[in-house]
PDB file of all heavy atoms in Angstrom:
ATOM      1  N   ASN A   1    -100.609  -2.811  48.401  1.00  0.00           N
ATOM      2  CA  ASN A   1     -99.500  -3.066  49.374  1.00  0.00           C
ATOM      3  C   ASN A   1     -98.567  -4.226  48.904  1.00  0.00           C
ATOM      4  O   ASN A   1     -99.163  -5.290  48.464  1.00  0.00           O
ATOM      5  CB  ASN A   1    -100.079  -3.484  50.749  1.00  0.00           C
ATOM      6  CG  ASN A   1    -100.676  -2.319  51.407  1.00  0.00           C
ATOM      7  OD1 ASN A   1    -100.407  -1.141  51.220  1.00  0.00           O
ATOM      8  ND2 ASN A   1    -101.811  -2.663  52.160  1.00  0.00           N
ATOM      9  N   SER A   2     -97.361  -3.995  48.818  1.00  0.00           N
ATOM     10  CA  SER A   2     -96.366  -5.025  48.524  1.00  0.00           C
ATOM     11  C   SER A   2     -96.184  -5.999  49.789  1.00  0.00           C
ATOM     12  O   SER A   2     -96.005  -5.405  50.840  1.00  0.00           O
ATOM     13  CB  SER A   2     -95.006  -4.472  48.060  1.00  0.00           C
ATOM     14  OG  SER A   2     -94.069  -5.566  47.930  1.00  0.00           O
ATOM     15  N   VAL A   3     -96.176  -7.253  49.533  1.00  0.00           N
ATOM     16  CA  VAL A   3     -95.963  -8.176  50.726  1.00  0.00           C
ATOM     17  C   VAL A   3     -94.589  -8.794  50.732  1.00  0.00           C
ATOM     18  O   VAL A   3     -94.296  -9.675  51.491  1.00  0.00           O
ATOM     19  CB  VAL A   3     -97.012  -9.297  50.667  1.00  0.00           C
ATOM     20  CG1 VAL A   3     -98.436  -8.616  50.879  1.00  0.00           C
ATOM     21  CG2 VAL A   3     -96.987 -10.095  49.431  1.00  0.00           C
ATOM     22  N   GLU A   4     -93.760  -8.318  49.782  1.00  0.00           N
ATOM     23  CA  GLU A   4     -92.344  -8.894  49.761  1.00  0.00           C
ATOM     24  C   GLU A   4     -91.719  -8.716  51.089  1.00  0.00           C
ATOM     25  O   GLU A   4     -91.617  -7.617  51.671  1.00  0.00           O
ATOM     26  CB  GLU A   4     -91.584  -8.206  48.654  1.00  0.00           C
ATOM     27  CG  GLU A   4     -90.173  -8.853  48.393  1.00  0.00           C
ATOM     28  CD  GLU A   4     -89.484  -8.352  47.161  1.00  0.00           C
ATOM     29  OE1 GLU A   4     -90.222  -7.627  46.399  1.00  0.00           O
ATOM     30  OE2 GLU A   4     -88.257  -8.698  46.944  1.00  0.00           O
ATOM     31  N   GLY A   5     -91.161  -9.831  51.612  1.00  0.00           N
ATOM     32  CA  GLY A   5     -90.439  -9.747  52.869  1.00  0.00           C
ATOM     33  C   GLY A   5     -91.334  -9.684  54.100  1.00  0.00           C
ATOM     34  O   GLY A   5     -90.851  -9.607  55.238  1.00  0.00           O
ATOM     35  N   ALA A   6     -92.605  -9.667  53.949  1.00  0.00           N
ATOM     36  CA  ALA A   6     -93.589  -9.512  55.063  1.00  0.00           C
ATOM     37  C   ALA A   6     -93.743 -10.857  55.888  1.00  0.00           C
ATOM     38  O   ALA A   6     -93.312 -11.968  55.396  1.00  0.00           O
ATOM     39  CB  ALA A   6     -94.931  -9.095  54.426  1.00  0.00           C
ATOM     40  N   THR A   7     -94.358 -10.776  57.003  1.00  0.00           N
ATOM     41  CA  THR A   7     -94.557 -11.983  57.850  1.00  0.00           C
ATOM     42  C   THR A   7     -96.031 -12.286  57.771  1.00  0.00           C
ATOM     43  O   THR A   7     -96.980 -11.427  57.852  1.00  0.00           O
ATOM     44  CB  THR A   7     -94.223 -11.679  59.277  1.00  0.00           C
ATOM     45  OG1 THR A   7     -92.856 -11.413  59.388  1.00  0.00           O
ATOM     46  CG2 THR A   7     -94.649 -12.859  60.105  1.00  0.00           C
ATOM     47  N   VAL A   8     -96.353 -13.540  57.565  1.00  0.00           N
ATOM     48  CA  VAL A   8     -97.757 -14.093  57.361  1.00  0.00           C
ATOM     49  C   VAL A   8     -98.100 -14.863  58.548  1.00  0.00           C
ATOM     50  O   VAL A   8     -97.439 -15.837  59.024  1.00  0.00           O
ATOM     51  CB  VAL A   8     -97.829 -14.999  56.082  1.00  0.00           C
ATOM     52  CG1 VAL A   8     -99.281 -15.530  56.073  1.00  0.00           C
ATOM     53  CG2 VAL A   8     -97.509 -14.239  54.823  1.00  0.00           C
ATOM     54  N   TYR A   9     -99.249 -14.539  59.248  1.00  0.00           N
ATOM     55  CA  TYR A   9     -99.870 -15.296  60.313  1.00  0.00           C
ATOM     56  C   TYR A   9    -100.993 -16.026  59.832  1.00  0.00           C
ATOM     57  O   TYR A   9    -101.976 -15.375  59.376  1.00  0.00           O
ATOM     58  CB  TYR A   9    -100.180 -14.317  61.521  1.00  0.00           C
ATOM     59  CG  TYR A   9     -98.950 -13.711  62.135  1.00  0.00           C
ATOM     60  CD1 TYR A   9     -98.471 -12.519  61.686  1.00  0.00           C
ATOM     61  CD2 TYR A   9     -98.378 -14.204  63.396  1.00  0.00           C
ATOM     62  CE1 TYR A   9     -97.294 -11.865  62.213  1.00  0.00           C
ATOM     63  CE2 TYR A   9     -97.348 -13.615  63.996  1.00  0.00           C
ATOM     64  CZ  TYR A   9     -96.762 -12.424  63.369  1.00  0.00           C
ATOM     65  OH  TYR A   9     -95.690 -11.800  63.941  1.00  0.00           O
ATOM     66  N   VAL A  10    -100.911 -17.327  59.930  1.00  0.00           N
ATOM     67  CA  VAL A  10    -102.052 -18.181  59.410  1.00  0.00           C
ATOM     68  C   VAL A  10    -102.396 -19.252  60.469  1.00  0.00           C
ATOM     69  O   VAL A  10    -101.474 -19.842  61.168  1.00  0.00           O
ATOM     70  CB  VAL A  10    -101.697 -18.857  58.125  1.00  0.00           C
ATOM     71  CG1 VAL A  10    -100.467 -19.620  58.133  1.00  0.00           C
ATOM     72  CG2 VAL A  10    -102.988 -19.436  57.447  1.00  0.00           C
ATOM     73  N   THR A  11    -103.641 -19.560  60.668  1.00  0.00           N
ATOM     74  CA  THR A  11    -104.053 -20.397  61.762  1.00  0.00           C
ATOM     75  C   THR A  11    -103.956 -21.840  61.499  1.00  0.00           C
ATOM     76  O   THR A  11    -104.210 -22.616  62.334  1.00  0.00           O
ATOM     77  CB  THR A  11    -105.594 -20.077  62.100  1.00  0.00           C
ATOM     78  OG1 THR A  11    -106.383 -20.189  61.007  1.00  0.00           O
ATOM     79  CG2 THR A  11    -105.615 -18.620  62.616  1.00  0.00           C
ATOM     80  N   LEU A  12    -103.722 -22.244  60.198  1.00  0.00           N
ATOM     81  CA  LEU A  12    -103.541 -23.603  59.835  1.00  0.00           C
ATOM     82  C   LEU A  12    -102.475 -23.631  58.728  1.00  0.00           C
ATOM     83  O   LEU A  12    -102.354 -22.797  57.845  1.00  0.00           O
ATOM     84  CB  LEU A  12    -104.908 -24.234  59.275  1.00  0.00           C
ATOM     85  CG  LEU A  12    -104.853 -25.793  59.151  1.00  0.00           C
ATOM     86  CD1 LEU A  12    -104.646 -26.499  60.452  1.00  0.00           C
ATOM     87  CD2 LEU A  12    -106.114 -26.223  58.540  1.00  0.00           C
ATOM     88  N   GLU A  13    -101.708 -24.708  58.738  1.00  0.00           N
ATOM     89  CA  GLU A  13    -100.681 -24.873  57.719  1.00  0.00           C
ATOM     90  C   GLU A  13    -101.176 -24.663  56.283  1.00  0.00           C
ATOM     91  O   GLU A  13    -102.211 -25.186  55.858  1.00  0.00           O
ATOM     92  CB  GLU A  13    -100.133 -26.322  57.854  1.00  0.00           C
ATOM     93  CG  GLU A  13     -99.021 -26.636  56.812  1.00  0.00           C
ATOM     94  CD  GLU A  13     -98.528 -28.085  56.866  1.00  0.00           C
ATOM     95  OE1 GLU A  13     -99.019 -28.789  57.774  1.00  0.00           O
ATOM     96  OE2 GLU A  13     -97.778 -28.507  56.112  1.00  0.00           O
ATOM     97  N   PRO A  14    -100.531 -23.824  55.527  1.00  0.00           N
ATOM     98  CA  PRO A  14    -100.925 -23.656  54.090  1.00  0.00           C
ATOM     99  C   PRO A  14    -100.956 -24.926  53.358  1.00  0.00           C
ATOM    100  O   PRO A  14    -100.007 -25.770  53.474  1.00  0.00           O
ATOM    101  CB  PRO A  14     -99.823 -22.715  53.515  1.00  0.00           C
ATOM    102  CG  PRO A  14     -99.335 -21.925  54.812  1.00  0.00           C
ATOM    103  CD  PRO A  14     -99.334 -22.914  55.849  1.00  0.00           C
ATOM    104  N   CYS A  15    -101.955 -25.071  52.515  1.00  0.00           N
ATOM    105  CA  CYS A  15    -102.216 -26.362  51.818  1.00  0.00           C
ATOM    106  C   CYS A  15    -101.016 -26.548  50.705  1.00  0.00           C
ATOM    107  O   CYS A  15    -100.507 -25.535  50.252  1.00  0.00           O
ATOM    108  CB  CYS A  15    -103.498 -26.470  51.232  1.00  0.00           C
ATOM    109  SG  CYS A  15    -103.814 -25.252  49.929  1.00  0.00           S
ATOM    110  N   ALA A  16    -100.826 -27.802  50.444  1.00  0.00           N
ATOM    111  CA  ALA A  16     -99.739 -28.112  49.467  1.00  0.00           C
ATOM    112  C   ALA A  16    -100.263 -28.956  48.346  1.00  0.00           C
ATOM    113  O   ALA A  16     -99.468 -29.602  47.590  1.00  0.00           O
ATOM    114  CB  ALA A  16     -98.569 -28.901  50.147  1.00  0.00           C
ATOM    115  N   HIS A  17    -101.569 -29.022  48.286  1.00  0.00           N
ATOM    116  CA  HIS A  17    -102.127 -29.890  47.118  1.00  0.00           C
ATOM    117  C   HIS A  17    -103.179 -29.102  46.292  1.00  0.00           C
ATOM    118  O   HIS A  17    -103.632 -28.112  46.585  1.00  0.00           O
ATOM    119  CB  HIS A  17    -102.913 -31.139  47.872  1.00  0.00           C
ATOM    120  CG  HIS A  17    -104.065 -30.666  48.721  1.00  0.00           C
ATOM    121  ND1 HIS A  17    -103.907 -30.020  49.971  1.00  0.00           N
ATOM    122  CD2 HIS A  17    -105.412 -30.723  48.575  1.00  0.00           C
ATOM    123  CE1 HIS A  17    -105.070 -29.743  50.480  1.00  0.00           C
ATOM    124  NE2 HIS A  17    -105.977 -30.209  49.687  1.00  0.00           N
ATOM    125  N   HIS A  18    -103.436 -29.747  45.210  1.00  0.00           N
ATOM    126  CA  HIS A  18    -104.427 -29.205  44.293  1.00  0.00           C
ATOM    127  C   HIS A  18    -105.717 -29.829  44.638  1.00  0.00           C
ATOM    128  O   HIS A  18    -106.148 -30.982  44.348  1.00  0.00           O
ATOM    129  CB  HIS A  18    -104.100 -29.547  42.800  1.00  0.00           C
ATOM    130  CG  HIS A  18    -102.945 -28.745  42.312  1.00  0.00           C
ATOM    131  ND1 HIS A  18    -103.110 -27.473  41.753  1.00  0.00           N
ATOM    132  CD2 HIS A  18    -101.651 -28.995  42.329  1.00  0.00           C
ATOM    133  CE1 HIS A  18    -101.876 -27.008  41.406  1.00  0.00           C
ATOM    134  NE2 HIS A  18    -100.989 -27.925  41.712  1.00  0.00           N
ATOM    135  N   GLY A  19    -106.628 -29.033  45.338  1.00  0.00           N
ATOM    136  CA  GLY A  19    -107.977 -29.484  45.608  1.00  0.00           C
ATOM    137  C   GLY A  19    -108.955 -28.606  44.807  1.00  0.00           C
ATOM    138  O   GLY A  19    -108.833 -28.571  43.600  1.00  0.00           O
ATOM    139  N   ARG A  20    -109.874 -28.051  45.343  1.00  0.00           N
ATOM    140  CA  ARG A  20    -110.787 -27.066  44.668  1.00  0.00           C
ATOM    141  C   ARG A  20    -110.071 -25.880  44.212  1.00  0.00           C
ATOM    142  O   ARG A  20    -110.428 -25.181  43.320  1.00  0.00           O
ATOM    143  CB  ARG A  20    -112.014 -26.660  45.472  1.00  0.00           C
ATOM    144  CG  ARG A  20    -112.895 -27.878  45.904  1.00  0.00           C
ATOM    145  CD  ARG A  20    -114.103 -27.466  46.682  1.00  0.00           C
ATOM    146  NE  ARG A  20    -114.954 -28.627  47.026  1.00  0.00           N
ATOM    147  CZ  ARG A  20    -114.871 -29.292  48.181  1.00  0.00           C
ATOM    148  NH1 ARG A  20    -113.961 -28.972  49.026  1.00  0.00           N
ATOM    149  NH2 ARG A  20    -115.788 -30.318  48.334  1.00  0.00           N
ATOM    150  N   THR A  21    -108.924 -25.528  44.909  1.00  0.00           N
ATOM    151  CA  THR A  21    -108.033 -24.380  44.628  1.00  0.00           C
ATOM    152  C   THR A  21    -106.578 -24.910  44.512  1.00  0.00           C
ATOM    153  O   THR A  21    -106.326 -25.964  44.995  1.00  0.00           O
ATOM    154  CB  THR A  21    -108.199 -23.316  45.678  1.00  0.00           C
ATOM    155  OG1 THR A  21    -107.786 -23.788  46.990  1.00  0.00           O
ATOM    156  CG2 THR A  21    -109.563 -22.771  45.761  1.00  0.00           C
ATOM    157  N   GLY A  22    -105.721 -24.054  44.095  1.00  0.00           N
ATOM    158  CA  GLY A  22    -104.353 -24.418  44.016  1.00  0.00           C
ATOM    159  C   GLY A  22    -103.572 -24.320  45.410  1.00  0.00           C
ATOM    160  O   GLY A  22    -104.222 -23.780  46.305  1.00  0.00           O
ATOM    161  N   PRO A  23    -102.341 -24.830  45.468  1.00  0.00           N
ATOM    162  CA  PRO A  23    -101.616 -24.860  46.811  1.00  0.00           C
ATOM    163  C   PRO A  23    -101.315 -23.421  47.227  1.00  0.00           C
ATOM    164  O   PRO A  23    -100.832 -22.474  46.544  1.00  0.00           O
ATOM    165  CB  PRO A  23    -100.272 -25.526  46.396  1.00  0.00           C
ATOM    166  CG  PRO A  23    -100.601 -26.308  45.152  1.00  0.00           C
ATOM    167  CD  PRO A  23    -101.615 -25.564  44.462  1.00  0.00           C
ATOM    168  N   CYS A  24    -101.717 -23.178  48.543  1.00  0.00           N
ATOM    169  CA  CYS A  24    -101.506 -21.807  49.124  1.00  0.00           C
ATOM    170  C   CYS A  24    -100.014 -21.629  49.372  1.00  0.00           C
ATOM    171  O   CYS A  24     -99.587 -20.517  49.367  1.00  0.00           O
ATOM    172  CB  CYS A  24    -102.326 -21.632  50.415  1.00  0.00           C
ATOM    173  SG  CYS A  24    -104.105 -21.578  50.063  1.00  0.00           S
ATOM    174  N   CYS A  25     -99.353 -22.575  49.693  1.00  0.00           N
ATOM    175  CA  CYS A  25     -97.827 -22.420  49.967  1.00  0.00           C
ATOM    176  C   CYS A  25     -97.183 -21.921  48.689  1.00  0.00           C
ATOM    177  O   CYS A  25     -96.287 -21.104  48.758  1.00  0.00           O
ATOM    178  CB  CYS A  25     -97.270 -23.810  50.429  1.00  0.00           C
ATOM    179  SG  CYS A  25     -97.301 -25.076  49.212  1.00  0.00           S
ATOM    180  N   ASP A  26     -97.643 -22.359  47.548  1.00  0.00           N
ATOM    181  CA  ASP A  26     -96.941 -21.807  46.379  1.00  0.00           C
ATOM    182  C   ASP A  26     -97.346 -20.389  46.128  1.00  0.00           C
ATOM    183  O   ASP A  26     -96.511 -19.556  45.642  1.00  0.00           O
ATOM    184  CB  ASP A  26     -97.439 -22.725  45.060  1.00  0.00           C
ATOM    185  CG  ASP A  26     -96.964 -24.125  45.109  1.00  0.00           C
ATOM    186  OD1 ASP A  26     -95.995 -24.382  45.959  1.00  0.00           O
ATOM    187  OD2 ASP A  26     -97.371 -24.911  44.266  1.00  0.00           O
ATOM    188  N   ALA A  27     -98.603 -19.980  46.411  1.00  0.00           N
ATOM    189  CA  ALA A  27     -98.921 -18.608  46.324  1.00  0.00           C
ATOM    190  C   ALA A  27     -98.102 -17.696  47.269  1.00  0.00           C
ATOM    191  O   ALA A  27     -97.683 -16.639  46.800  1.00  0.00           O
ATOM    192  CB  ALA A  27    -100.474 -18.398  46.657  1.00  0.00           C
ATOM    193  N   LEU A  28     -97.792 -18.193  48.361  1.00  0.00           N
ATOM    194  CA  LEU A  28     -96.932 -17.365  49.364  1.00  0.00           C
ATOM    195  C   LEU A  28     -95.549 -17.265  48.824  1.00  0.00           C
ATOM    196  O   LEU A  28     -94.949 -16.136  48.996  1.00  0.00           O
ATOM    197  CB  LEU A  28     -97.040 -18.051  50.716  1.00  0.00           C
ATOM    198  CG  LEU A  28     -98.408 -18.038  51.510  1.00  0.00           C
ATOM    199  CD1 LEU A  28     -98.227 -18.724  52.769  1.00  0.00           C
ATOM    200  CD2 LEU A  28     -98.779 -16.504  51.773  1.00  0.00           C
ATOM    201  N   ILE A  29     -95.066 -18.394  48.340  1.00  0.00           N
ATOM    202  CA  ILE A  29     -93.691 -18.377  47.730  1.00  0.00           C
ATOM    203  C   ILE A  29     -93.587 -17.348  46.586  1.00  0.00           C
ATOM    204  O   ILE A  29     -92.675 -16.555  46.470  1.00  0.00           O
ATOM    205  CB  ILE A  29     -93.320 -19.731  47.325  1.00  0.00           C
ATOM    206  CG1 ILE A  29     -93.171 -20.712  48.600  1.00  0.00           C
ATOM    207  CG2 ILE A  29     -91.964 -19.707  46.592  1.00  0.00           C
ATOM    208  CD1 ILE A  29     -93.057 -22.150  48.226  1.00  0.00           C
ATOM    209  N   ARG A  30     -94.548 -17.369  45.706  1.00  0.00           N
ATOM    210  CA  ARG A  30     -94.542 -16.503  44.603  1.00  0.00           C
ATOM    211  C   ARG A  30     -94.677 -15.001  44.974  1.00  0.00           C
ATOM    212  O   ARG A  30     -94.157 -14.108  44.358  1.00  0.00           O
ATOM    213  CB  ARG A  30     -95.754 -16.815  43.597  1.00  0.00           C
ATOM    214  CG  ARG A  30     -95.566 -18.095  42.793  1.00  0.00           C
ATOM    215  CD  ARG A  30     -96.604 -18.093  41.650  1.00  0.00           C
ATOM    216  NE  ARG A  30     -97.921 -18.209  42.057  1.00  0.00           N
ATOM    217  CZ  ARG A  30     -98.615 -19.205  42.401  1.00  0.00           C
ATOM    218  NH1 ARG A  30     -98.013 -20.467  42.265  1.00  0.00           N
ATOM    219  NH2 ARG A  30     -99.815 -19.213  42.776  1.00  0.00           N
ATOM    220  N   ALA A  31     -95.338 -14.793  46.112  1.00  0.00           N
ATOM    221  CA  ALA A  31     -95.464 -13.449  46.667  1.00  0.00           C
ATOM    222  C   ALA A  31     -94.236 -12.913  47.305  1.00  0.00           C
ATOM    223  O   ALA A  31     -94.206 -11.741  47.692  1.00  0.00           O
ATOM    224  CB  ALA A  31     -96.716 -13.401  47.477  1.00  0.00           C
ATOM    225  N   LYS A  32     -93.287 -13.814  47.510  1.00  0.00           N
ATOM    226  CA  LYS A  32     -91.999 -13.491  48.113  1.00  0.00           C
ATOM    227  C   LYS A  32     -92.133 -12.959  49.509  1.00  0.00           C
ATOM    228  O   LYS A  32     -91.345 -11.950  49.972  1.00  0.00           O
ATOM    229  CB  LYS A  32     -91.274 -12.415  47.262  1.00  0.00           C
ATOM    230  CG  LYS A  32     -90.918 -12.978  45.843  1.00  0.00           C
ATOM    231  CD  LYS A  32     -90.187 -11.881  45.102  1.00  0.00           C
ATOM    232  CE  LYS A  32     -89.907 -12.427  43.589  1.00  0.00           C
ATOM    233  NZ  LYS A  32     -89.161 -11.410  42.806  1.00  0.00           N
ATOM    234  N   VAL A  33     -93.023 -13.427  50.278  1.00  0.00           N
ATOM    235  CA  VAL A  33     -93.138 -13.132  51.760  1.00  0.00           C
ATOM    236  C   VAL A  33     -91.794 -13.683  52.345  1.00  0.00           C
ATOM    237  O   VAL A  33     -91.158 -14.611  51.889  1.00  0.00           O
ATOM    238  CB  VAL A  33     -94.359 -13.705  52.383  1.00  0.00           C
ATOM    239  CG1 VAL A  33     -95.604 -13.113  51.651  1.00  0.00           C
ATOM    240  CG2 VAL A  33     -94.429 -15.193  52.438  1.00  0.00           C
ATOM    241  N   GLY A  34     -91.488 -13.138  53.538  1.00  0.00           N
ATOM    242  CA  GLY A  34     -90.243 -13.496  54.186  1.00  0.00           C
ATOM    243  C   GLY A  34     -90.401 -14.579  55.227  1.00  0.00           C
ATOM    244  O   GLY A  34     -89.498 -15.407  55.489  1.00  0.00           O
ATOM    245  N   LYS A  35     -91.559 -14.558  55.899  1.00  0.00           N
ATOM    246  CA  LYS A  35     -91.695 -15.497  57.080  1.00  0.00           C
ATOM    247  C   LYS A  35     -93.160 -15.875  57.199  1.00  0.00           C
ATOM    248  O   LYS A  35     -94.143 -15.097  56.936  1.00  0.00           O
ATOM    249  CB  LYS A  35     -91.310 -14.835  58.396  1.00  0.00           C
ATOM    250  CG  LYS A  35     -91.464 -15.695  59.683  1.00  0.00           C
ATOM    251  CD  LYS A  35     -90.929 -14.917  60.881  1.00  0.00           C
ATOM    252  CE  LYS A  35     -91.102 -15.716  62.132  1.00  0.00           C
ATOM    253  NZ  LYS A  35     -90.633 -14.957  63.320  1.00  0.00           N
ATOM    254  N   VAL A  36     -93.400 -17.088  57.570  1.00  0.00           N
ATOM    255  CA  VAL A  36     -94.801 -17.581  57.750  1.00  0.00           C
ATOM    256  C   VAL A  36     -94.881 -18.211  59.179  1.00  0.00           C
ATOM    257  O   VAL A  36     -94.105 -19.147  59.509  1.00  0.00           O
ATOM    258  CB  VAL A  36     -95.183 -18.689  56.781  1.00  0.00           C
ATOM    259  CG1 VAL A  36     -96.576 -19.212  56.950  1.00  0.00           C
ATOM    260  CG2 VAL A  36     -95.022 -18.124  55.314  1.00  0.00           C
TER     261      VAL A  36
END
């Protein structure tokens, strides 16, 4: 499934820092979703 232009529903703000994993906000931007 392509997620380009899709709407993402998430229960907590996507992280913006490098912890044990990379920033989730960057992953959503790269995936070209339309709305969060």
